[in-house]
Amino acid sequence: MLDMSLSTVTITVLRDGTPTQDRYGNDVPGPATETDVAGCMVLPPGGQMATSTEDTNGRDLVVIVRTLFAPPTADIRATDRVRHDGVTYQVVGDPARYPGRLAHLEVQLKRWEG
């Protein structure tokens, strides 16, 4: 059971702005908007540190996965990024809304290093 009273973290949602065009006529994302969301928790999935390493062309690629628990009213989309503790993660898939007494939004996050 999720104890939302432990949700004391504030995260920042980064959402690309209205697309503009570069000098070659290509659409590029506009400046990102930043929105703080209080009352969150960011945890490794299943309580584990969920990290994997791959060797890609002589480079190590580290993938870090986290689960974000946010208030049910949080506006977080599959195309957003989330900054937590100075680190930016990509939202993976559609956030899941859970109703009821323990209503919350659950979001899978991933980042890559290397």
N, C-alpha and C. Protein backbone atom coordinates (compact mmCIF):
# COMPACT_ATOMS: atom_id res chain seq x y z
N MET A 1 0.85 -1.17 0.00
CA MET A 1 0.00 0.00 0.00
C MET A 1 0.89 1.24 0.00
N LEU A 2 0.56 2.20 -0.84
CA LEU A 2 1.35 3.41 -1.00
C LEU A 2 0.99 4.43 0.07
N ASP A 3 1.96 4.87 0.86
CA ASP A 3 1.74 5.87 1.89
C ASP A 3 2.10 7.23 1.33
N MET A 4 1.10 7.97 0.86
CA MET A 4 1.35 9.26 0.21
C MET A 4 1.85 10.31 1.19
N SER A 5 1.78 10.06 2.49
CA SER A 5 2.32 11.02 3.45
C SER A 5 3.84 11.10 3.35
N LEU A 6 4.45 10.12 2.71
CA LEU A 6 5.90 10.12 2.52
C LEU A 6 6.32 10.87 1.25
N SER A 7 5.33 11.40 0.55
CA SER A 7 5.60 12.09 -0.72
C SER A 7 5.99 13.53 -0.47
N THR A 8 7.28 13.75 -0.28
CA THR A 8 7.75 15.07 0.11
C THR A 8 8.68 15.70 -0.92
N VAL A 9 8.81 15.08 -2.09
CA VAL A 9 9.74 15.55 -3.11
C VAL A 9 9.02 16.45 -4.10
N THR A 10 9.70 17.50 -4.55
CA THR A 10 9.20 18.34 -5.63
C THR A 10 10.02 18.04 -6.88
N ILE A 11 9.32 17.70 -7.96
CA ILE A 11 9.98 17.44 -9.24
C ILE A 11 9.62 18.57 -10.20
N THR A 12 10.34 18.65 -11.31
CA THR A 12 10.03 19.64 -12.34
C THR A 12 9.71 18.91 -13.63
N VAL A 13 8.54 19.23 -14.20
CA VAL A 13 8.13 18.67 -15.48
C VAL A 13 8.61 19.60 -16.58
N LEU A 14 9.32 19.05 -17.56
CA LEU A 14 9.84 19.81 -18.70
C LEU A 14 9.03 19.40 -19.93
N ARG A 15 8.38 20.37 -20.54
CA ARG A 15 7.54 20.09 -21.70
C ARG A 15 7.98 21.01 -22.84
N ASP A 16 8.28 20.39 -24.01
CA ASP A 16 8.69 21.18 -25.16
C ASP A 16 7.61 22.17 -25.55
N GLY A 17 8.03 23.36 -25.94
CA GLY A 17 7.11 24.39 -26.37
C GLY A 17 6.64 24.17 -27.79
N THR A 18 5.86 25.10 -28.29
CA THR A 18 5.34 25.04 -29.65
C THR A 18 6.51 24.96 -30.63
N PRO A 19 6.44 24.00 -31.56
CA PRO A 19 7.55 23.86 -32.52
C PRO A 19 7.78 25.12 -33.34
N THR A 20 9.03 25.36 -33.63
CA THR A 20 9.43 26.45 -34.51
C THR A 20 10.22 25.82 -35.65
N GLN A 21 10.70 26.63 -36.57
CA GLN A 21 11.50 26.10 -37.67
C GLN A 21 12.91 26.63 -37.59
N ASP A 22 13.86 25.73 -37.88
CA ASP A 22 15.26 26.16 -37.93
C ASP A 22 15.52 26.82 -39.28
N ARG A 23 16.74 27.22 -39.52
CA ARG A 23 17.06 27.98 -40.74
C ARG A 23 16.91 27.14 -42.00
N TYR A 24 16.77 25.80 -41.84
CA TYR A 24 16.59 24.93 -43.00
C TYR A 24 15.12 24.56 -43.22
N GLY A 25 14.23 25.11 -42.38
CA GLY A 25 12.81 24.84 -42.52
C GLY A 25 12.33 23.60 -41.78
N ASN A 26 13.21 23.00 -40.97
CA ASN A 26 12.84 21.81 -40.19
C ASN A 26 12.15 22.22 -38.90
N ASP A 27 11.12 21.48 -38.52
CA ASP A 27 10.47 21.73 -37.23
C ASP A 27 11.40 21.31 -36.10
N VAL A 28 11.55 22.18 -35.12
CA VAL A 28 12.33 21.88 -33.92
C VAL A 28 11.49 22.28 -32.71
N PRO A 29 11.64 21.56 -31.60
CA PRO A 29 10.86 21.91 -30.41
C PRO A 29 11.14 23.33 -29.96
N GLY A 30 10.08 24.01 -29.52
CA GLY A 30 10.25 25.34 -28.95
C GLY A 30 10.85 25.24 -27.56
N PRO A 31 11.17 26.36 -26.95
CA PRO A 31 11.73 26.35 -25.60
C PRO A 31 10.81 25.59 -24.63
N ALA A 32 11.42 24.78 -23.79
CA ALA A 32 10.65 23.98 -22.83
C ALA A 32 10.05 24.86 -21.74
N THR A 33 8.86 24.50 -21.32
CA THR A 33 8.26 25.13 -20.14
C THR A 33 8.59 24.22 -18.96
N GLU A 34 8.72 24.82 -17.80
CA GLU A 34 9.03 24.07 -16.58
C GLU A 34 7.93 24.29 -15.56
N THR A 35 7.41 23.19 -15.01
CA THR A 35 6.35 23.26 -14.01
C THR A 35 6.73 22.38 -12.83
N ASP A 36 6.77 22.96 -11.64
CA ASP A 36 7.08 22.19 -10.43
C ASP A 36 5.85 21.44 -9.96
N VAL A 37 6.05 20.21 -9.50
CA VAL A 37 4.99 19.39 -8.94
C VAL A 37 5.46 18.92 -7.57
N ALA A 38 4.77 19.35 -6.52
CA ALA A 38 5.12 18.97 -5.14
C ALA A 38 4.36 17.71 -4.74
N GLY A 39 4.79 17.09 -3.67
CA GLY A 39 4.09 15.93 -3.12
C GLY A 39 4.38 14.65 -3.87
N CYS A 40 5.60 14.47 -4.34
CA CYS A 40 5.98 13.31 -5.15
C CYS A 40 6.95 12.40 -4.40
N MET A 41 7.11 11.20 -4.92
CA MET A 41 8.15 10.25 -4.52
C MET A 41 8.80 9.74 -5.79
N VAL A 42 10.12 9.55 -5.79
CA VAL A 42 10.83 8.95 -6.90
C VAL A 42 11.63 7.79 -6.32
N LEU A 43 11.32 6.57 -6.80
CA LEU A 43 11.92 5.36 -6.24
C LEU A 43 12.40 4.44 -7.35
N PRO A 44 13.39 3.61 -7.04
CA PRO A 44 13.73 2.55 -7.98
C PRO A 44 12.54 1.58 -8.06
N PRO A 45 12.23 1.05 -9.23
CA PRO A 45 11.10 0.13 -9.33
C PRO A 45 11.33 -1.12 -8.51
N GLY A 46 10.31 -1.54 -7.79
CA GLY A 46 10.41 -2.75 -6.99
C GLY A 46 11.42 -2.65 -5.87
N GLY A 47 11.85 -1.44 -5.52
CA GLY A 47 12.82 -1.27 -4.45
C GLY A 47 14.23 -1.64 -4.83
N GLN A 48 14.47 -1.93 -6.11
CA GLN A 48 15.81 -2.31 -6.56
C GLN A 48 16.43 -1.15 -7.32
N MET A 49 17.71 -1.20 -7.54
CA MET A 49 18.40 -0.09 -8.20
C MET A 49 18.31 -0.15 -9.72
N ALA A 50 17.61 -1.10 -10.32
CA ALA A 50 17.25 -1.19 -11.74
C ALA A 50 18.17 -0.41 -12.67
N THR A 51 19.38 -0.89 -12.81
CA THR A 51 20.34 -0.30 -13.73
C THR A 51 20.86 -1.39 -14.63
N SER A 52 21.04 -1.09 -15.90
CA SER A 52 21.63 -2.07 -16.79
C SER A 52 22.76 -1.40 -17.55
N THR A 53 23.71 -2.21 -18.01
CA THR A 53 24.85 -1.70 -18.76
C THR A 53 24.95 -2.47 -20.06
N GLU A 54 25.22 -1.75 -21.13
CA GLU A 54 25.43 -2.36 -22.44
C GLU A 54 26.72 -1.84 -23.02
N ASP A 55 27.41 -2.68 -23.79
CA ASP A 55 28.61 -2.24 -24.50
C ASP A 55 28.19 -1.93 -25.93
N THR A 56 28.24 -0.67 -26.30
CA THR A 56 27.86 -0.26 -27.65
C THR A 56 29.04 0.38 -28.34
N ASN A 57 29.63 -0.33 -29.26
CA ASN A 57 30.78 0.16 -30.03
C ASN A 57 31.92 0.62 -29.11
N GLY A 58 32.23 -0.17 -28.11
CA GLY A 58 33.34 0.15 -27.24
C GLY A 58 33.00 1.14 -26.14
N ARG A 59 31.74 1.57 -26.05
CA ARG A 59 31.31 2.50 -25.00
C ARG A 59 30.33 1.79 -24.10
N ASP A 60 30.41 2.07 -22.83
CA ASP A 60 29.41 1.55 -21.90
C ASP A 60 28.21 2.48 -21.88
N LEU A 61 27.02 1.90 -22.00
CA LEU A 61 25.78 2.66 -21.92
C LEU A 61 25.05 2.17 -20.67
N VAL A 62 24.79 3.09 -19.76
CA VAL A 62 24.11 2.75 -18.52
C VAL A 62 22.68 3.29 -18.61
N VAL A 63 21.71 2.42 -18.32
CA VAL A 63 20.31 2.80 -18.33
C VAL A 63 19.81 2.77 -16.89
N ILE A 64 19.25 3.89 -16.43
CA ILE A 64 18.75 3.99 -15.05
C ILE A 64 17.24 4.19 -15.13
N VAL A 65 16.50 3.38 -14.37
CA VAL A 65 15.05 3.40 -14.38
C VAL A 65 14.56 3.81 -12.98
N ARG A 66 13.54 4.66 -12.94
CA ARG A 66 12.92 5.07 -11.69
C ARG A 66 11.41 5.09 -11.88
N THR A 67 10.67 5.02 -10.77
CA THR A 67 9.22 5.17 -10.78
C THR A 67 8.87 6.42 -10.00
N LEU A 68 8.07 7.29 -10.62
CA LEU A 68 7.60 8.53 -10.00
C LEU A 68 6.16 8.33 -9.55
N PHE A 69 5.88 8.64 -8.31
CA PHE A 69 4.54 8.66 -7.77
C PHE A 69 4.20 10.13 -7.53
N ALA A 70 3.15 10.62 -8.20
CA ALA A 70 2.79 12.03 -8.13
C ALA A 70 1.33 12.16 -7.71
N PRO A 71 0.92 13.36 -7.29
CA PRO A 71 -0.49 13.58 -6.97
C PRO A 71 -1.36 13.27 -8.20
N PRO A 72 -2.60 12.83 -7.98
CA PRO A 72 -3.46 12.44 -9.10
C PRO A 72 -3.80 13.58 -10.05
N THR A 73 -3.63 14.80 -9.62
CA THR A 73 -3.94 15.96 -10.46
C THR A 73 -2.74 16.44 -11.28
N ALA A 74 -1.58 15.80 -11.12
CA ALA A 74 -0.37 16.23 -11.83
C ALA A 74 -0.57 16.08 -13.34
N ASP A 75 -0.11 17.08 -14.09
CA ASP A 75 -0.19 17.06 -15.54
C ASP A 75 1.16 16.60 -16.09
N ILE A 76 1.30 15.29 -16.26
CA ILE A 76 2.53 14.70 -16.80
C ILE A 76 2.13 13.83 -17.98
N ARG A 77 2.82 14.03 -19.10
CA ARG A 77 2.49 13.32 -20.34
C ARG A 77 3.64 12.44 -20.80
N ALA A 78 3.33 11.52 -21.70
CA ALA A 78 4.33 10.58 -22.22
C ALA A 78 5.46 11.29 -22.94
N THR A 79 5.22 12.49 -23.44
CA THR A 79 6.24 13.23 -24.20
C THR A 79 7.08 14.16 -23.33
N ASP A 80 6.82 14.17 -22.02
CA ASP A 80 7.53 15.08 -21.11
C ASP A 80 8.85 14.49 -20.64
N ARG A 81 9.63 15.35 -20.02
CA ARG A 81 10.82 14.95 -19.27
C ARG A 81 10.59 15.40 -17.83
N VAL A 82 11.29 14.75 -16.90
CA VAL A 82 11.14 15.08 -15.48
C VAL A 82 12.53 15.28 -14.89
N ARG A 83 12.71 16.40 -14.17
CA ARG A 83 13.98 16.64 -13.47
C ARG A 83 13.75 16.40 -11.99
N HIS A 84 14.61 15.54 -11.44
CA HIS A 84 14.55 15.21 -10.01
C HIS A 84 15.97 15.22 -9.47
N ASP A 85 16.18 15.98 -8.43
CA ASP A 85 17.49 16.02 -7.78
C ASP A 85 18.60 16.36 -8.78
N GLY A 86 18.30 17.29 -9.70
CA GLY A 86 19.30 17.75 -10.66
C GLY A 86 19.52 16.84 -11.85
N VAL A 87 18.78 15.73 -11.94
CA VAL A 87 18.95 14.77 -13.02
C VAL A 87 17.67 14.75 -13.86
N THR A 88 17.83 14.76 -15.19
CA THR A 88 16.67 14.76 -16.08
C THR A 88 16.42 13.36 -16.62
N TYR A 89 15.16 12.92 -16.52
CA TYR A 89 14.72 11.61 -17.00
C TYR A 89 13.69 11.81 -18.10
N GLN A 90 13.57 10.83 -18.98
CA GLN A 90 12.52 10.81 -20.00
C GLN A 90 11.35 10.00 -19.46
N VAL A 91 10.12 10.49 -19.66
CA VAL A 91 8.94 9.71 -19.31
C VAL A 91 8.83 8.57 -20.32
N VAL A 92 8.56 7.36 -19.81
CA VAL A 92 8.46 6.18 -20.67
C VAL A 92 7.01 5.70 -20.66
N GLY A 93 6.35 5.80 -21.79
CA GLY A 93 4.96 5.36 -21.89
C GLY A 93 3.99 6.35 -21.26
N ASP A 94 2.72 5.97 -21.27
CA ASP A 94 1.69 6.82 -20.69
C ASP A 94 1.67 6.69 -19.18
N PRO A 95 1.61 7.80 -18.45
CA PRO A 95 1.44 7.74 -17.00
C PRO A 95 0.13 7.03 -16.65
N ALA A 96 0.12 6.30 -15.55
CA ALA A 96 -1.07 5.56 -15.11
C ALA A 96 -1.72 6.28 -13.94
N ARG A 97 -3.02 6.54 -14.06
CA ARG A 97 -3.79 7.17 -12.98
C ARG A 97 -4.50 6.10 -12.18
N TYR A 98 -4.33 6.18 -10.87
CA TYR A 98 -4.99 5.24 -9.96
C TYR A 98 -5.96 6.04 -9.09
N PRO A 99 -7.25 5.71 -9.15
CA PRO A 99 -8.26 6.42 -8.35
C PRO A 99 -8.40 5.80 -6.96
N GLY A 100 -9.29 6.36 -6.19
CA GLY A 100 -9.62 5.78 -4.89
C GLY A 100 -8.94 6.47 -3.74
N ARG A 101 -8.95 5.78 -2.61
CA ARG A 101 -8.42 6.34 -1.37
C ARG A 101 -6.93 6.70 -1.49
N LEU A 102 -6.20 5.93 -2.26
CA LEU A 102 -4.77 6.20 -2.46
C LEU A 102 -4.51 6.71 -3.88
N ALA A 103 -5.39 7.57 -4.36
CA ALA A 103 -5.28 8.09 -5.72
C ALA A 103 -3.90 8.70 -5.96
N HIS A 104 -3.33 8.35 -7.10
CA HIS A 104 -2.02 8.91 -7.46
C HIS A 104 -1.78 8.68 -8.95
N LEU A 105 -0.74 9.30 -9.46
CA LEU A 105 -0.28 9.14 -10.83
C LEU A 105 1.07 8.41 -10.76
N GLU A 106 1.19 7.33 -11.51
CA GLU A 106 2.44 6.57 -11.51
C GLU A 106 3.09 6.71 -12.88
N VAL A 107 4.37 7.11 -12.88
CA VAL A 107 5.08 7.42 -14.12
C VAL A 107 6.41 6.68 -14.13
N GLN A 108 6.68 6.00 -15.24
CA GLN A 108 7.97 5.32 -15.40
C GLN A 108 8.96 6.30 -16.01
N LEU A 109 10.16 6.36 -15.45
CA LEU A 109 11.21 7.28 -15.90
C LEU A 109 12.44 6.49 -16.30
N LYS A 110 13.19 7.02 -17.26
CA LYS A 110 14.42 6.37 -17.69
C LYS A 110 15.41 7.45 -18.11
N ARG A 111 16.70 7.17 -17.86
CA ARG A 111 17.75 8.03 -18.39
C ARG A 111 18.92 7.17 -18.83
N TRP A 112 19.72 7.71 -19.73
CA TRP A 112 20.84 6.98 -20.30
C TRP A 112 22.11 7.76 -20.02
N GLU A 113 23.19 7.05 -19.73
CA GLU A 113 24.52 7.67 -19.56
C GLU A 113 25.51 6.90 -20.40
N GLY A 114 26.43 7.62 -21.00
CA GLY A 114 27.50 6.94 -21.72
C GLY A 114 27.50 7.15 -23.18
